[in-house]
Amino acid sequence: RGGFYQRPKCLIIEAPIGMINNGVYQQ
C-alpha cells in the first residue's frame, strides 16, 4: 500500500535444457 524502491527477485530458466536459477535483479 505504501511505496518504496527495492530490487526484485528474479528467476531464470535456460533453454533448451530447462536449468532453473534464481537470484536478485540488479535494477
mmCIF file of all heavy atoms, coordinates in Angstrom:
data_MODEL
# 
_entry.id   MODEL 
# 
loop_
_atom_site.group_PDB 
_atom_site.id 
_atom_site.type_symbol 
_atom_site.label_atom_id 
_atom_site.label_alt_id 
_atom_site.label_comp_id 
_atom_site.label_asym_id 
_atom_site.label_entity_id 
_atom_site.label_seq_id 
_atom_site.pdbx_PDB_ins_code 
_atom_site.Cartn_x 
_atom_site.Cartn_y 
_atom_site.Cartn_z 
_atom_site.occupancy 
_atom_site.B_iso_or_equiv 
_atom_site.pdbx_formal_charge 
_atom_site.auth_seq_id 
_atom_site.auth_comp_id 
_atom_site.auth_asym_id 
_atom_site.auth_atom_id 
_atom_site.pdbx_PDB_model_num 
ATOM 1   N N   . ARG A 1 1  ? 0.836  -1.213  0.000   1.00 0.00 ? 1  ARG A N   1 
ATOM 2   C CA  . ARG A 1 1  ? 0.000  0.000   0.000   1.00 0.00 ? 1  ARG A CA  1 
ATOM 3   C C   . ARG A 1 1  ? 0.867  1.256   0.000   1.00 0.00 ? 1  ARG A C   1 
ATOM 4   O O   . ARG A 1 1  ? 0.531  2.249   -0.601  1.00 0.00 ? 1  ARG A O   1 
ATOM 5   C CB  . ARG A 1 1  ? -0.942 -0.012  1.210   1.00 0.00 ? 1  ARG A CB  1 
ATOM 6   C CG  . ARG A 1 1  ? -1.968 -1.144  1.142   1.00 0.00 ? 1  ARG A CG  1 
ATOM 7   C CD  . ARG A 1 1  ? -3.019 -1.033  2.227   1.00 0.00 ? 1  ARG A CD  1 
ATOM 8   N NE  . ARG A 1 1  ? -3.950 -2.149  2.192   1.00 0.00 ? 1  ARG A NE  1 
ATOM 9   C CZ  . ARG A 1 1  ? -4.971 -2.239  1.369   1.00 0.00 ? 1  ARG A CZ  1 
ATOM 10  N NH1 . ARG A 1 1  ? -5.214 -1.268  0.508   1.00 0.00 ? 1  ARG A NH1 1 
ATOM 11  N NH2 . ARG A 1 1  ? -5.767 -3.295  1.395   1.00 0.00 ? 1  ARG A NH2 1 
ATOM 12  N N   . GLY A 1 2  ? 1.976  1.188   0.718   1.00 0.00 ? 2  GLY A N   1 
ATOM 13  C CA  . GLY A 1 2  ? 2.932  2.287   0.681   1.00 0.00 ? 2  GLY A CA  1 
ATOM 14  C C   . GLY A 1 2  ? 3.950  2.028   -0.415  1.00 0.00 ? 2  GLY A C   1 
ATOM 15  O O   . GLY A 1 2  ? 4.115  0.902   -0.864  1.00 0.00 ? 2  GLY A O   1 
ATOM 16  N N   . GLY A 1 3  ? 4.646  3.049   -0.894  1.00 0.00 ? 3  GLY A N   1 
ATOM 17  C CA  . GLY A 1 3  ? 5.600  2.858   -1.973  1.00 0.00 ? 3  GLY A CA  1 
ATOM 18  C C   . GLY A 1 3  ? 7.041  2.944   -1.496  1.00 0.00 ? 3  GLY A C   1 
ATOM 19  O O   . GLY A 1 3  ? 7.363  3.753   -0.630  1.00 0.00 ? 3  GLY A O   1 
ATOM 20  N N   . PHE A 1 4  ? 7.907  2.124   -2.081  1.00 0.00 ? 4  PHE A N   1 
ATOM 21  C CA  . PHE A 1 4  ? 9.339  2.189   -1.787  1.00 0.00 ? 4  PHE A CA  1 
ATOM 22  C C   . PHE A 1 4  ? 10.102 1.494   -2.910  1.00 0.00 ? 4  PHE A C   1 
ATOM 23  O O   . PHE A 1 4  ? 9.557  0.676   -3.651  1.00 0.00 ? 4  PHE A O   1 
ATOM 24  C CB  . PHE A 1 4  ? 9.667  1.551   -0.437  1.00 0.00 ? 4  PHE A CB  1 
ATOM 25  C CG  . PHE A 1 4  ? 9.190  0.129   -0.270  1.00 0.00 ? 4  PHE A CG  1 
ATOM 26  C CD1 . PHE A 1 4  ? 9.942  -0.948  -0.731  1.00 0.00 ? 4  PHE A CD1 1 
ATOM 27  C CD2 . PHE A 1 4  ? 7.978  -0.137  0.356   1.00 0.00 ? 4  PHE A CD2 1 
ATOM 28  C CE1 . PHE A 1 4  ? 9.504  -2.249  -0.577  1.00 0.00 ? 4  PHE A CE1 1 
ATOM 29  C CE2 . PHE A 1 4  ? 7.525  -1.438  0.519   1.00 0.00 ? 4  PHE A CE2 1 
ATOM 30  C CZ  . PHE A 1 4  ? 8.296  -2.494  0.047   1.00 0.00 ? 4  PHE A CZ  1 
ATOM 31  N N   . TYR A 1 5  ? 11.392 1.840   -3.032  1.00 0.00 ? 5  TYR A N   1 
ATOM 32  C CA  . TYR A 1 5  ? 12.240 1.238   -4.051  1.00 0.00 ? 5  TYR A CA  1 
ATOM 33  C C   . TYR A 1 5  ? 12.947 0.009   -3.492  1.00 0.00 ? 5  TYR A C   1 
ATOM 34  O O   . TYR A 1 5  ? 13.390 0.010   -2.345  1.00 0.00 ? 5  TYR A O   1 
ATOM 35  C CB  . TYR A 1 5  ? 13.283 2.244   -4.546  1.00 0.00 ? 5  TYR A CB  1 
ATOM 36  C CG  . TYR A 1 5  ? 12.728 3.275   -5.494  1.00 0.00 ? 5  TYR A CG  1 
ATOM 37  C CD1 . TYR A 1 5  ? 12.289 4.515   -5.019  1.00 0.00 ? 5  TYR A CD1 1 
ATOM 38  C CD2 . TYR A 1 5  ? 12.630 3.008   -6.860  1.00 0.00 ? 5  TYR A CD2 1 
ATOM 39  C CE1 . TYR A 1 5  ? 11.772 5.464   -5.890  1.00 0.00 ? 5  TYR A CE1 1 
ATOM 40  C CE2 . TYR A 1 5  ? 12.116 3.958   -7.732  1.00 0.00 ? 5  TYR A CE2 1 
ATOM 41  C CZ  . TYR A 1 5  ? 11.692 5.174   -7.241  1.00 0.00 ? 5  TYR A CZ  1 
ATOM 42  O OH  . TYR A 1 5  ? 11.176 6.110   -8.100  1.00 0.00 ? 5  TYR A OH  1 
ATOM 43  N N   . GLN A 1 6  ? 13.041 -1.018  -4.325  1.00 0.00 ? 6  GLN A N   1 
ATOM 44  C CA  . GLN A 1 6  ? 13.694 -2.245  -3.894  1.00 0.00 ? 6  GLN A CA  1 
ATOM 45  C C   . GLN A 1 6  ? 14.068 -3.075  -5.120  1.00 0.00 ? 6  GLN A C   1 
ATOM 46  O O   . GLN A 1 6  ? 13.422 -2.988  -6.163  1.00 0.00 ? 6  GLN A O   1 
ATOM 47  C CB  . GLN A 1 6  ? 12.764 -3.061  -2.989  1.00 0.00 ? 6  GLN A CB  1 
ATOM 48  C CG  . GLN A 1 6  ? 13.420 -4.279  -2.354  1.00 0.00 ? 6  GLN A CG  1 
ATOM 49  C CD  . GLN A 1 6  ? 12.495 -4.924  -1.334  1.00 0.00 ? 6  GLN A CD  1 
ATOM 50  O OE1 . GLN A 1 6  ? 11.950 -4.258  -0.462  1.00 0.00 ? 6  GLN A OE1 1 
ATOM 51  N NE2 . GLN A 1 6  ? 12.317 -6.217  -1.435  1.00 0.00 ? 6  GLN A NE2 1 
ATOM 52  N N   . ARG A 1 7  ? 15.104 -3.875  -4.980  1.00 0.00 ? 7  ARG A N   1 
ATOM 53  C CA  . ARG A 1 7  ? 15.476 -4.785  -6.065  1.00 0.00 ? 7  ARG A CA  1 
ATOM 54  C C   . ARG A 1 7  ? 14.617 -6.049  -5.971  1.00 0.00 ? 7  ARG A C   1 
ATOM 55  O O   . ARG A 1 7  ? 14.586 -6.694  -4.932  1.00 0.00 ? 7  ARG A O   1 
ATOM 56  C CB  . ARG A 1 7  ? 16.960 -5.144  -5.982  1.00 0.00 ? 7  ARG A CB  1 
ATOM 57  C CG  . ARG A 1 7  ? 17.868 -3.973  -6.328  1.00 0.00 ? 7  ARG A CG  1 
ATOM 58  C CD  . ARG A 1 7  ? 19.326 -4.349  -6.255  1.00 0.00 ? 7  ARG A CD  1 
ATOM 59  N NE  . ARG A 1 7  ? 20.169 -3.234  -6.635  1.00 0.00 ? 7  ARG A NE  1 
ATOM 60  C CZ  . ARG A 1 7  ? 21.494 -3.269  -6.649  1.00 0.00 ? 7  ARG A CZ  1 
ATOM 61  N NH1 . ARG A 1 7  ? 22.127 -4.383  -6.301  1.00 0.00 ? 7  ARG A NH1 1 
ATOM 62  N NH2 . ARG A 1 7  ? 22.186 -2.204  -7.008  1.00 0.00 ? 7  ARG A NH2 1 
ATOM 63  N N   . PRO A 1 8  ? 13.933 -6.395  -7.057  1.00 0.00 ? 8  PRO A N   1 
ATOM 64  C CA  . PRO A 1 8  ? 13.045 -7.562  -7.013  1.00 0.00 ? 8  PRO A CA  1 
ATOM 65  C C   . PRO A 1 8  ? 13.820 -8.873  -7.140  1.00 0.00 ? 8  PRO A C   1 
ATOM 66  O O   . PRO A 1 8  ? 15.005 -8.892  -7.467  1.00 0.00 ? 8  PRO A O   1 
ATOM 67  C CB  . PRO A 1 8  ? 12.144 -7.356  -8.226  1.00 0.00 ? 8  PRO A CB  1 
ATOM 68  C CG  . PRO A 1 8  ? 13.012 -6.603  -9.186  1.00 0.00 ? 8  PRO A CG  1 
ATOM 69  C CD  . PRO A 1 8  ? 13.898 -5.718  -8.364  1.00 0.00 ? 8  PRO A CD  1 
ATOM 70  N N   . LYS A 1 9  ? 13.128 -9.958  -6.901  1.00 0.00 ? 9  LYS A N   1 
ATOM 71  C CA  . LYS A 1 9  ? 13.695 -11.288 -7.094  1.00 0.00 ? 9  LYS A CA  1 
ATOM 72  C C   . LYS A 1 9  ? 13.553 -11.674 -8.560  1.00 0.00 ? 9  LYS A C   1 
ATOM 73  O O   . LYS A 1 9  ? 12.708 -11.128 -9.276  1.00 0.00 ? 9  LYS A O   1 
ATOM 74  C CB  . LYS A 1 9  ? 12.980 -12.298 -6.196  1.00 0.00 ? 9  LYS A CB  1 
ATOM 75  C CG  . LYS A 1 9  ? 13.067 -11.920 -4.722  1.00 0.00 ? 9  LYS A CG  1 
ATOM 76  C CD  . LYS A 1 9  ? 12.409 -12.933 -3.827  1.00 0.00 ? 9  LYS A CD  1 
ATOM 77  C CE  . LYS A 1 9  ? 12.441 -12.453 -2.383  1.00 0.00 ? 9  LYS A CE  1 
ATOM 78  N NZ  . LYS A 1 9  ? 13.814 -12.147 -1.933  1.00 0.00 ? 9  LYS A NZ  1 
ATOM 79  N N   . CYS A 1 10 ? 14.399 -12.596 -8.995  1.00 0.00 ? 10 CYS A N   1 
ATOM 80  C CA  . CYS A 1 10 ? 14.340 -12.999 -10.397 1.00 0.00 ? 10 CYS A CA  1 
ATOM 81  C C   . CYS A 1 10 ? 14.525 -14.506 -10.526 1.00 0.00 ? 10 CYS A C   1 
ATOM 82  O O   . CYS A 1 10 ? 15.115 -15.158 -9.661  1.00 0.00 ? 10 CYS A O   1 
ATOM 83  C CB  . CYS A 1 10 ? 15.387 -12.258 -11.228 1.00 0.00 ? 10 CYS A CB  1 
ATOM 84  S SG  . CYS A 1 10 ? 17.077 -12.397 -10.598 1.00 0.00 ? 10 CYS A SG  1 
ATOM 85  N N   . LEU A 1 11 ? 14.000 -15.023 -11.621 1.00 0.00 ? 11 LEU A N   1 
ATOM 86  C CA  . LEU A 1 11 ? 14.070 -16.444 -11.924 1.00 0.00 ? 11 LEU A CA  1 
ATOM 87  C C   . LEU A 1 11 ? 14.489 -16.604 -13.381 1.00 0.00 ? 11 LEU A C   1 
ATOM 88  O O   . LEU A 1 11 ? 13.971 -15.921 -14.258 1.00 0.00 ? 11 LEU A O   1 
ATOM 89  C CB  . LEU A 1 11 ? 12.702 -17.096 -11.698 1.00 0.00 ? 11 LEU A CB  1 
ATOM 90  C CG  . LEU A 1 11 ? 12.579 -18.590 -11.969 1.00 0.00 ? 11 LEU A CG  1 
ATOM 91  C CD1 . LEU A 1 11 ? 13.340 -19.385 -10.924 1.00 0.00 ? 11 LEU A CD1 1 
ATOM 92  C CD2 . LEU A 1 11 ? 11.118 -19.017 -11.962 1.00 0.00 ? 11 LEU A CD2 1 
ATOM 93  N N   . ILE A 1 12 ? 15.456 -17.489 -13.615 1.00 0.00 ? 12 ILE A N   1 
ATOM 94  C CA  . ILE A 1 12 ? 15.938 -17.733 -14.969 1.00 0.00 ? 12 ILE A CA  1 
ATOM 95  C C   . ILE A 1 12 ? 15.770 -19.212 -15.296 1.00 0.00 ? 12 ILE A C   1 
ATOM 96  O O   . ILE A 1 12 ? 16.146 -20.078 -14.496 1.00 0.00 ? 12 ILE A O   1 
ATOM 97  C CB  . ILE A 1 12 ? 17.432 -17.375 -15.108 1.00 0.00 ? 12 ILE A CB  1 
ATOM 98  C CG1 . ILE A 1 12 ? 17.681 -15.906 -14.767 1.00 0.00 ? 12 ILE A CG1 1 
ATOM 99  C CG2 . ILE A 1 12 ? 17.924 -17.666 -16.527 1.00 0.00 ? 12 ILE A CG2 1 
ATOM 100 C CD1 . ILE A 1 12 ? 19.150 -15.563 -14.675 1.00 0.00 ? 12 ILE A CD1 1 
ATOM 101 N N   . ILE A 1 13 ? 15.200 -19.505 -16.470 1.00 0.00 ? 13 ILE A N   1 
ATOM 102 C CA  . ILE A 1 13 ? 15.163 -20.868 -16.989 1.00 0.00 ? 13 ILE A CA  1 
ATOM 103 C C   . ILE A 1 13 ? 15.866 -20.846 -18.343 1.00 0.00 ? 13 ILE A C   1 
ATOM 104 O O   . ILE A 1 13 ? 15.452 -20.130 -19.250 1.00 0.00 ? 13 ILE A O   1 
ATOM 105 C CB  . ILE A 1 13 ? 13.726 -21.392 -17.136 1.00 0.00 ? 13 ILE A CB  1 
ATOM 106 C CG1 . ILE A 1 13 ? 12.951 -21.222 -15.834 1.00 0.00 ? 13 ILE A CG1 1 
ATOM 107 C CG2 . ILE A 1 13 ? 13.745 -22.866 -17.537 1.00 0.00 ? 13 ILE A CG2 1 
ATOM 108 C CD1 . ILE A 1 13 ? 11.526 -21.724 -15.886 1.00 0.00 ? 13 ILE A CD1 1 
ATOM 109 N N   . GLU A 1 14 ? 16.927 -21.609 -18.452 1.00 0.00 ? 14 GLU A N   1 
ATOM 110 C CA  . GLU A 1 14 ? 17.736 -21.602 -19.663 1.00 0.00 ? 14 GLU A CA  1 
ATOM 111 C C   . GLU A 1 14 ? 17.265 -22.677 -20.635 1.00 0.00 ? 14 GLU A C   1 
ATOM 112 O O   . GLU A 1 14 ? 17.058 -23.827 -20.251 1.00 0.00 ? 14 GLU A O   1 
ATOM 113 C CB  . GLU A 1 14 ? 19.207 -21.804 -19.300 1.00 0.00 ? 14 GLU A CB  1 
ATOM 114 C CG  . GLU A 1 14 ? 19.758 -20.698 -18.404 1.00 0.00 ? 14 GLU A CG  1 
ATOM 115 C CD  . GLU A 1 14 ? 21.230 -20.870 -18.098 1.00 0.00 ? 14 GLU A CD  1 
ATOM 116 O OE1 . GLU A 1 14 ? 21.918 -21.561 -18.886 1.00 0.00 ? 14 GLU A OE1 1 
ATOM 117 O OE2 . GLU A 1 14 ? 21.691 -20.317 -17.097 1.00 0.00 ? 14 GLU A OE2 1 
ATOM 118 N N   . ALA A 1 15 ? 17.073 -22.261 -21.886 1.00 0.00 ? 15 ALA A N   1 
ATOM 119 C CA  . ALA A 1 15 ? 16.680 -23.200 -22.944 1.00 0.00 ? 15 ALA A CA  1 
ATOM 120 C C   . ALA A 1 15 ? 17.939 -23.778 -23.596 1.00 0.00 ? 15 ALA A C   1 
ATOM 121 O O   . ALA A 1 15 ? 18.960 -23.099 -23.684 1.00 0.00 ? 15 ALA A O   1 
ATOM 122 C CB  . ALA A 1 15 ? 15.816 -22.466 -23.970 1.00 0.00 ? 15 ALA A CB  1 
ATOM 123 N N   . PRO A 1 16 ? 17.885 -25.025 -24.059 1.00 0.00 ? 16 PRO A N   1 
ATOM 124 C CA  . PRO A 1 16 ? 16.709 -25.903 -24.050 1.00 0.00 ? 16 PRO A CA  1 
ATOM 125 C C   . PRO A 1 16 ? 16.601 -26.806 -22.822 1.00 0.00 ? 16 PRO A C   1 
ATOM 126 O O   . PRO A 1 16 ? 15.553 -27.381 -22.568 1.00 0.00 ? 16 PRO A O   1 
ATOM 127 C CB  . PRO A 1 16 ? 16.937 -26.746 -25.305 1.00 0.00 ? 16 PRO A CB  1 
ATOM 128 C CG  . PRO A 1 16 ? 18.429 -26.897 -25.374 1.00 0.00 ? 16 PRO A CG  1 
ATOM 129 C CD  . PRO A 1 16 ? 18.987 -25.590 -24.867 1.00 0.00 ? 16 PRO A CD  1 
ATOM 130 N N   . ILE A 1 17 ? 17.685 -26.960 -22.073 1.00 0.00 ? 17 ILE A N   1 
ATOM 131 C CA  . ILE A 1 17 ? 17.705 -27.995 -21.038 1.00 0.00 ? 17 ILE A CA  1 
ATOM 132 C C   . ILE A 1 17 ? 16.781 -27.679 -19.862 1.00 0.00 ? 17 ILE A C   1 
ATOM 133 O O   . ILE A 1 17 ? 16.351 -28.561 -19.131 1.00 0.00 ? 17 ILE A O   1 
ATOM 134 C CB  . ILE A 1 17 ? 19.147 -28.239 -20.545 1.00 0.00 ? 17 ILE A CB  1 
ATOM 135 C CG1 . ILE A 1 17 ? 19.227 -29.577 -19.809 1.00 0.00 ? 17 ILE A CG1 1 
ATOM 136 C CG2 . ILE A 1 17 ? 19.620 -27.095 -19.651 1.00 0.00 ? 17 ILE A CG2 1 
ATOM 137 C CD1 . ILE A 1 17 ? 20.610 -30.124 -19.660 1.00 0.00 ? 17 ILE A CD1 1 
ATOM 138 N N   . GLY A 1 18 ? 16.449 -26.410 -19.675 1.00 0.00 ? 18 GLY A N   1 
ATOM 139 C CA  . GLY A 1 18 ? 15.499 -26.046 -18.630 1.00 0.00 ? 18 GLY A CA  1 
ATOM 140 C C   . GLY A 1 18 ? 16.096 -25.888 -17.247 1.00 0.00 ? 18 GLY A C   1 
ATOM 141 O O   . GLY A 1 18 ? 15.398 -26.036 -16.245 1.00 0.00 ? 18 GLY A O   1 
ATOM 142 N N   . MET A 1 19 ? 17.398 -25.587 -17.187 1.00 0.00 ? 19 MET A N   1 
ATOM 143 C CA  . MET A 1 19 ? 18.040 -25.375 -15.888 1.00 0.00 ? 19 MET A CA  1 
ATOM 144 C C   . MET A 1 19 ? 17.468 -24.119 -15.230 1.00 0.00 ? 19 MET A C   1 
ATOM 145 O O   . MET A 1 19 ? 17.372 -23.065 -15.857 1.00 0.00 ? 19 MET A O   1 
ATOM 146 C CB  . MET A 1 19 ? 19.550 -25.233 -16.050 1.00 0.00 ? 19 MET A CB  1 
ATOM 147 C CG  . MET A 1 19 ? 20.310 -25.077 -14.735 1.00 0.00 ? 19 MET A CG  1 
ATOM 148 S SD  . MET A 1 19 ? 22.101 -24.955 -14.977 1.00 0.00 ? 19 MET A SD  1 
ATOM 149 C CE  . MET A 1 19 ? 22.443 -26.622 -15.574 1.00 0.00 ? 19 MET A CE  1 
ATOM 150 N N   . ILE A 1 20 ? 17.104 -24.235 -13.937 1.00 0.00 ? 20 ILE A N   1 
ATOM 151 C CA  . ILE A 1 20 ? 16.448 -23.144 -13.215 1.00 0.00 ? 20 ILE A CA  1 
ATOM 152 C C   . ILE A 1 20 ? 17.398 -22.545 -12.186 1.00 0.00 ? 20 ILE A C   1 
ATOM 153 O O   . ILE A 1 20 ? 18.008 -23.264 -11.392 1.00 0.00 ? 20 ILE A O   1 
ATOM 154 C CB  . ILE A 1 20 ? 15.164 -23.639 -12.525 1.00 0.00 ? 20 ILE A CB  1 
ATOM 155 C CG1 . ILE A 1 20 ? 14.183 -24.207 -13.547 1.00 0.00 ? 20 ILE A CG1 1 
ATOM 156 C CG2 . ILE A 1 20 ? 14.508 -22.501 -11.737 1.00 0.00 ? 20 ILE A CG2 1 
ATOM 157 C CD1 . ILE A 1 20 ? 12.952 -24.835 -12.927 1.00 0.00 ? 20 ILE A CD1 1 
ATOM 158 N N   . ASN A 1 21 ? 17.511 -21.219 -12.206 1.00 0.00 ? 21 ASN A N   1 
ATOM 159 C CA  . ASN A 1 21 ? 18.284 -20.480 -11.207 1.00 0.00 ? 21 ASN A CA  1 
ATOM 160 C C   . ASN A 1 21 ? 17.462 -19.275 -10.741 1.00 0.00 ? 21 ASN A C   1 
ATOM 161 O O   . ASN A 1 21 ? 16.640 -18.752 -11.502 1.00 0.00 ? 21 ASN A O   1 
ATOM 162 C CB  . ASN A 1 21 ? 19.621 -19.992 -11.776 1.00 0.00 ? 21 ASN A CB  1 
ATOM 163 C CG  . ASN A 1 21 ? 20.598 -21.124 -12.023 1.00 0.00 ? 21 ASN A CG  1 
ATOM 164 O OD1 . ASN A 1 21 ? 21.085 -21.748 -11.095 1.00 0.00 ? 21 ASN A OD1 1 
ATOM 165 N ND2 . ASN A 1 21 ? 20.873 -21.397 -13.298 1.00 0.00 ? 21 ASN A ND2 1 
ATOM 166 N N   . ASN A 1 22 ? 17.694 -18.853 -9.524  1.00 0.00 ? 22 ASN A N   1 
ATOM 167 C CA  . ASN A 1 22 ? 17.018 -17.653 -9.022  1.00 0.00 ? 22 ASN A CA  1 
ATOM 168 C C   . ASN A 1 22 ? 18.018 -16.743 -8.334  1.00 0.00 ? 22 ASN A C   1 
ATOM 169 O O   . ASN A 1 22 ? 19.102 -17.165 -7.927  1.00 0.00 ? 22 ASN A O   1 
ATOM 170 C CB  . ASN A 1 22 ? 15.880 -18.023 -8.070  1.00 0.00 ? 22 ASN A CB  1 
ATOM 171 C CG  . ASN A 1 22 ? 16.371 -18.655 -6.791  1.00 0.00 ? 22 ASN A CG  1 
ATOM 172 O OD1 . ASN A 1 22 ? 16.793 -19.825 -6.777  1.00 0.00 ? 22 ASN A OD1 1 
ATOM 173 N ND2 . ASN A 1 22 ? 16.324 -17.919 -5.696  1.00 0.00 ? 22 ASN A ND2 1 
ATOM 174 N N   . GLY A 1 23 ? 17.643 -15.479 -8.203  1.00 0.00 ? 23 GLY A N   1 
ATOM 175 C CA  . GLY A 1 23 ? 18.535 -14.506 -7.585  1.00 0.00 ? 23 GLY A CA  1 
ATOM 176 C C   . GLY A 1 23 ? 17.841 -13.179 -7.360  1.00 0.00 ? 23 GLY A C   1 
ATOM 177 O O   . GLY A 1 23 ? 16.618 -13.126 -7.167  1.00 0.00 ? 23 GLY A O   1 
ATOM 178 N N   . VAL A 1 24 ? 18.623 -12.099 -7.406  1.00 0.00 ? 24 VAL A N   1 
ATOM 179 C CA  . VAL A 1 24 ? 18.106 -10.746 -7.219  1.00 0.00 ? 24 VAL A CA  1 
ATOM 180 C C   . VAL A 1 24 ? 18.407 -9.931  -8.470  1.00 0.00 ? 24 VAL A C   1 
ATOM 181 O O   . VAL A 1 24 ? 19.542 -9.915  -8.965  1.00 0.00 ? 24 VAL A O   1 
ATOM 182 C CB  . VAL A 1 24 ? 18.750 -10.070 -5.984  1.00 0.00 ? 24 VAL A CB  1 
ATOM 183 C CG1 . VAL A 1 24 ? 18.241 -8.630  -5.841  1.00 0.00 ? 24 VAL A CG1 1 
ATOM 184 C CG2 . VAL A 1 24 ? 18.452 -10.863 -4.720  1.00 0.00 ? 24 VAL A CG2 1 
ATOM 185 N N   . TYR A 1 25 ? 17.381 -9.286  -9.005  1.00 0.00 ? 25 TYR A N   1 
ATOM 186 C CA  . TYR A 1 25 ? 17.543 -8.494  -10.220 1.00 0.00 ? 25 TYR A CA  1 
ATOM 187 C C   . TYR A 1 25 ? 18.249 -7.184  -9.889  1.00 0.00 ? 25 TYR A C   1 
ATOM 188 O O   . TYR A 1 25 ? 17.864 -6.482  -8.949  1.00 0.00 ? 25 TYR A O   1 
ATOM 189 C CB  . TYR A 1 25 ? 16.180 -8.226  -10.857 1.00 0.00 ? 25 TYR A CB  1 
ATOM 190 C CG  . TYR A 1 25 ? 16.262 -7.977  -12.344 1.00 0.00 ? 25 TYR A CG  1 
ATOM 191 C CD1 . TYR A 1 25 ? 16.589 -9.004  -13.220 1.00 0.00 ? 25 TYR A CD1 1 
ATOM 192 C CD2 . TYR A 1 25 ? 16.010 -6.720  -12.877 1.00 0.00 ? 25 TYR A CD2 1 
ATOM 193 C CE1 . TYR A 1 25 ? 16.661 -8.794  -14.585 1.00 0.00 ? 25 TYR A CE1 1 
ATOM 194 C CE2 . TYR A 1 25 ? 16.079 -6.492  -14.239 1.00 0.00 ? 25 TYR A CE2 1 
ATOM 195 C CZ  . TYR A 1 25 ? 16.412 -7.537  -15.091 1.00 0.00 ? 25 TYR A CZ  1 
ATOM 196 O OH  . TYR A 1 25 ? 16.491 -7.317  -16.442 1.00 0.00 ? 25 TYR A OH  1 
ATOM 197 N N   . GLN A 1 26 ? 19.279 -6.856  -10.659 1.00 0.00 ? 26 GLN A N   1 
ATOM 198 C CA  . GLN A 1 26 ? 20.141 -5.718  -10.335 1.00 0.00 ? 26 GLN A CA  1 
ATOM 199 C C   . GLN A 1 26 ? 19.641 -4.388  -10.884 1.00 0.00 ? 26 GLN A C   1 
ATOM 200 O O   . GLN A 1 26 ? 20.403 -3.603  -11.435 1.00 0.00 ? 26 GLN A O   1 
ATOM 201 C CB  . GLN A 1 26 ? 21.566 -6.002  -10.824 1.00 0.00 ? 26 GLN A CB  1 
ATOM 202 C CG  . GLN A 1 26 ? 22.213 -7.221  -10.190 1.00 0.00 ? 26 GLN A CG  1 
ATOM 203 C CD  . GLN A 1 26 ? 22.241 -7.139  -8.675  1.00 0.00 ? 26 GLN A CD  1 
ATOM 204 O OE1 . GLN A 1 26 ? 22.824 -6.224  -8.100  1.00 0.00 ? 26 GLN A OE1 1 
ATOM 205 N NE2 . GLN A 1 26 ? 21.583 -8.086  -8.015  1.00 0.00 ? 26 GLN A NE2 1 
ATOM 206 N N   . GLN A 1 27 ? 18.362 -4.162  -10.739 1.00 0.00 ? 27 GLN A N   1 
ATOM 207 C CA  . GLN A 1 27 ? 17.761 -2.868  -11.066 1.00 0.00 ? 27 GLN A CA  1 
ATOM 208 C C   . GLN A 1 27 ? 16.681 -2.566  -10.035 1.00 0.00 ? 27 GLN A C   1 
ATOM 209 O O   . GLN A 1 27 ? 15.914 -3.465  -9.660  1.00 0.00 ? 27 GLN A O   1 
ATOM 210 C CB  . GLN A 1 27 ? 17.154 -2.876  -12.479 1.00 0.00 ? 27 GLN A CB  1 
ATOM 211 C CG  . GLN A 1 27 ? 18.177 -2.919  -13.586 1.00 0.00 ? 27 GLN A CG  1 
ATOM 212 C CD  . GLN A 1 27 ? 17.544 -2.864  -14.972 1.00 0.00 ? 27 GLN A CD  1 
ATOM 213 O OE1 . GLN A 1 27 ? 16.327 -2.845  -15.132 1.00 0.00 ? 27 GLN A OE1 1 
ATOM 214 N NE2 . GLN A 1 27 ? 18.373 -2.829  -16.004 1.00 0.00 ? 27 GLN A NE2 1 
# 
